């Protein structure tokens, strides 16, 4: 049975962090502006960090919010 990722959001720093599995971070790679993938010593993904998360998700959240209001 696989575990679900853990999602944390820091409202003060506006950072969304997704933990894919436990492990010590060895390296962080910026895959797109403001999106970092954290890797362990084997180069496997242990987490994803999204900076300025509210701005990043705003284009998705607004239409979704409007759709939910109409339902």
N, C-alpha and C. Protein backbone atom coordinates (compact mmCIF):
# COMPACT_ATOMS: atom_id res chain seq x y z
N UNK A 1 0.85 -1.18 0.00
CA UNK A 1 0.00 0.00 0.00
C UNK A 1 0.89 1.24 0.00
N UNK A 2 0.68 2.16 -0.94
CA UNK A 2 1.49 3.36 -1.01
C UNK A 2 0.88 4.45 -0.15
N UNK A 3 1.75 5.29 0.40
CA UNK A 3 1.29 6.40 1.22
C UNK A 3 0.97 7.60 0.35
N UNK A 4 0.00 8.39 0.79
CA UNK A 4 -0.35 9.61 0.07
C UNK A 4 0.67 10.69 0.44
N UNK A 5 0.95 11.60 -0.50
CA UNK A 5 1.84 12.72 -0.17
C UNK A 5 1.23 13.60 0.92
N UNK A 6 2.10 14.23 1.68
CA UNK A 6 1.68 15.18 2.71
C UNK A 6 1.85 16.58 2.13
N UNK A 7 0.83 17.40 2.27
CA UNK A 7 0.87 18.76 1.73
C UNK A 7 0.83 19.75 2.89
N UNK A 8 1.79 20.67 2.89
CA UNK A 8 1.85 21.72 3.91
C UNK A 8 1.85 23.07 3.20
N UNK A 9 1.12 24.02 3.77
CA UNK A 9 1.11 25.38 3.23
C UNK A 9 1.45 26.35 4.34
N UNK A 10 2.46 27.18 4.11
CA UNK A 10 2.87 28.20 5.06
C UNK A 10 2.27 29.53 4.58
N UNK A 11 1.28 30.03 5.31
CA UNK A 11 0.60 31.26 4.89
C UNK A 11 1.49 32.49 5.01
N UNK A 12 2.41 32.48 5.95
CA UNK A 12 3.29 33.63 6.15
C UNK A 12 4.26 33.79 4.98
N UNK A 13 4.89 32.68 4.57
CA UNK A 13 5.86 32.74 3.47
C UNK A 13 5.24 32.42 2.12
N UNK A 14 3.96 32.01 2.11
CA UNK A 14 3.23 31.66 0.88
C UNK A 14 3.95 30.57 0.09
N UNK A 15 4.32 29.51 0.82
CA UNK A 15 5.03 28.38 0.22
C UNK A 15 4.19 27.12 0.43
N UNK A 16 3.98 26.39 -0.67
CA UNK A 16 3.31 25.09 -0.61
C UNK A 16 4.37 24.02 -0.74
N UNK A 17 4.37 23.06 0.18
CA UNK A 17 5.37 22.01 0.16
C UNK A 17 4.67 20.66 0.13
N UNK A 18 5.06 19.82 -0.81
CA UNK A 18 4.49 18.48 -0.95
C UNK A 18 5.59 17.48 -0.62
N UNK A 19 5.37 16.71 0.43
CA UNK A 19 6.33 15.67 0.83
C UNK A 19 5.91 14.38 0.14
N UNK A 20 6.77 13.86 -0.73
CA UNK A 20 6.44 12.62 -1.43
C UNK A 20 6.89 11.39 -0.66
N UNK A 21 7.97 11.56 0.10
CA UNK A 21 8.43 10.49 0.98
C UNK A 21 9.49 11.04 1.92
N UNK A 22 9.74 10.33 3.01
CA UNK A 22 10.71 10.78 4.00
C UNK A 22 12.12 10.61 3.47
N UNK A 23 13.00 11.48 3.94
CA UNK A 23 14.40 11.39 3.57
C UNK A 23 15.09 12.71 3.78
N UNK A 24 16.40 12.67 3.81
CA UNK A 24 17.19 13.88 3.97
C UNK A 24 17.44 14.51 2.61
N UNK A 25 17.26 15.82 2.54
CA UNK A 25 17.48 16.52 1.28
C UNK A 25 18.98 16.63 1.00
N UNK A 26 19.36 16.17 -0.17
CA UNK A 26 20.75 16.26 -0.61
C UNK A 26 20.93 17.38 -1.62
N UNK A 27 19.89 17.61 -2.41
CA UNK A 27 19.98 18.59 -3.49
C UNK A 27 18.59 19.13 -3.79
N UNK A 28 18.54 20.37 -4.28
CA UNK A 28 17.30 20.99 -4.71
C UNK A 28 17.51 21.52 -6.12
N UNK A 29 16.57 21.20 -7.01
CA UNK A 29 16.67 21.61 -8.40
C UNK A 29 15.46 22.47 -8.75
N UNK A 30 15.72 23.66 -9.31
CA UNK A 30 14.63 24.52 -9.75
C UNK A 30 14.21 24.06 -11.14
N UNK A 31 13.01 23.50 -11.24
CA UNK A 31 12.53 22.94 -12.51
C UNK A 31 11.73 23.96 -13.33
N UNK A 32 11.27 25.01 -12.66
CA UNK A 32 10.57 26.14 -13.29
C UNK A 32 10.70 27.29 -12.31
N UNK A 33 10.49 28.51 -12.75
CA UNK A 33 10.61 29.62 -11.82
C UNK A 33 9.72 29.44 -10.58
N UNK A 34 10.35 29.40 -9.41
CA UNK A 34 9.62 29.25 -8.16
C UNK A 34 9.19 27.85 -7.80
N UNK A 35 9.59 26.86 -8.59
CA UNK A 35 9.24 25.47 -8.30
C UNK A 35 10.52 24.66 -8.15
N UNK A 36 10.71 24.13 -6.94
CA UNK A 36 11.92 23.37 -6.63
C UNK A 36 11.56 21.93 -6.32
N UNK A 37 12.35 21.03 -6.85
CA UNK A 37 12.20 19.61 -6.55
C UNK A 37 13.37 19.22 -5.66
N UNK A 38 13.06 18.63 -4.51
CA UNK A 38 14.09 18.24 -3.57
C UNK A 38 14.39 16.76 -3.75
N UNK A 39 15.68 16.45 -3.77
CA UNK A 39 16.15 15.10 -4.04
C UNK A 39 16.95 14.57 -2.86
N UNK A 40 16.91 13.25 -2.68
CA UNK A 40 17.72 12.62 -1.64
C UNK A 40 19.09 12.24 -2.21
N UNK A 41 19.88 11.51 -1.45
CA UNK A 41 21.23 11.15 -1.88
C UNK A 41 21.26 10.23 -3.10
N UNK A 42 20.16 9.57 -3.38
CA UNK A 42 20.07 8.70 -4.56
C UNK A 42 19.52 9.44 -5.78
N UNK A 43 19.18 10.72 -5.60
CA UNK A 43 18.61 11.49 -6.69
C UNK A 43 17.12 11.27 -6.87
N UNK A 44 16.47 10.69 -5.87
CA UNK A 44 15.04 10.43 -5.93
C UNK A 44 14.27 11.58 -5.28
N UNK A 45 13.12 11.89 -5.82
CA UNK A 45 12.30 13.00 -5.34
C UNK A 45 11.75 12.71 -3.95
N UNK A 46 11.97 13.66 -3.03
CA UNK A 46 11.40 13.54 -1.69
C UNK A 46 10.41 14.66 -1.40
N UNK A 47 10.43 15.70 -2.24
CA UNK A 47 9.50 16.80 -2.01
C UNK A 47 9.48 17.80 -3.16
N UNK A 48 8.42 18.57 -3.18
CA UNK A 48 8.25 19.63 -4.18
C UNK A 48 7.85 20.89 -3.42
N UNK A 49 8.54 21.97 -3.71
CA UNK A 49 8.28 23.25 -3.05
C UNK A 49 7.84 24.27 -4.09
N UNK A 50 6.72 24.94 -3.82
CA UNK A 50 6.20 25.95 -4.74
C UNK A 50 6.19 27.28 -4.01
N UNK A 51 7.06 28.19 -4.45
CA UNK A 51 7.14 29.52 -3.86
C UNK A 51 6.03 30.40 -4.44
N UNK A 52 5.60 31.39 -3.69
CA UNK A 52 4.50 32.28 -4.11
C UNK A 52 3.31 31.45 -4.58
N UNK A 53 2.94 30.49 -3.76
CA UNK A 53 1.91 29.52 -4.12
C UNK A 53 0.57 30.15 -4.46
N UNK A 54 0.18 31.19 -3.74
CA UNK A 54 -1.13 31.79 -4.01
C UNK A 54 -1.18 32.38 -5.42
N UNK A 55 -0.09 33.00 -5.86
CA UNK A 55 -0.04 33.55 -7.22
C UNK A 55 0.03 32.43 -8.25
N UNK A 56 0.74 31.37 -7.90
CA UNK A 56 0.89 30.23 -8.81
C UNK A 56 -0.45 29.56 -9.09
N UNK A 57 -1.26 29.39 -8.03
CA UNK A 57 -2.53 28.68 -8.17
C UNK A 57 -3.72 29.60 -8.48
N UNK A 58 -3.52 30.90 -8.47
CA UNK A 58 -4.63 31.84 -8.71
C UNK A 58 -5.36 31.59 -10.03
N UNK A 59 -4.66 31.35 -11.16
CA UNK A 59 -5.38 31.09 -12.41
C UNK A 59 -6.27 29.84 -12.34
N UNK A 60 -5.91 28.90 -11.50
CA UNK A 60 -6.71 27.68 -11.36
C UNK A 60 -7.82 27.88 -10.33
N UNK A 61 -7.49 28.57 -9.26
CA UNK A 61 -8.43 28.70 -8.14
C UNK A 61 -9.63 29.57 -8.48
N UNK A 62 -9.43 30.67 -9.19
CA UNK A 62 -10.55 31.57 -9.49
C UNK A 62 -11.66 30.88 -10.28
N UNK A 63 -11.35 30.22 -11.41
CA UNK A 63 -12.43 29.54 -12.14
C UNK A 63 -13.07 28.41 -11.32
N UNK A 64 -12.29 27.73 -10.54
CA UNK A 64 -12.81 26.65 -9.71
C UNK A 64 -13.77 27.22 -8.65
N UNK A 65 -13.36 28.32 -8.04
CA UNK A 65 -14.20 28.97 -7.03
C UNK A 65 -15.52 29.43 -7.64
N UNK A 66 -15.45 30.06 -8.82
CA UNK A 66 -16.67 30.53 -9.49
C UNK A 66 -17.59 29.35 -9.82
N UNK A 67 -17.00 28.25 -10.27
CA UNK A 67 -17.79 27.06 -10.62
C UNK A 67 -18.49 26.52 -9.36
N UNK A 68 -17.79 26.52 -8.25
CA UNK A 68 -18.37 26.01 -7.00
C UNK A 68 -19.50 26.92 -6.52
N UNK A 69 -19.39 28.22 -6.75
CA UNK A 69 -20.44 29.16 -6.33
C UNK A 69 -21.72 28.96 -7.13
N UNK A 70 -21.59 28.55 -8.40
CA UNK A 70 -22.75 28.36 -9.26
C UNK A 70 -23.45 27.03 -8.98
N UNK A 71 -22.75 26.10 -8.39
CA UNK A 71 -23.33 24.77 -8.17
C UNK A 71 -24.35 24.76 -7.05
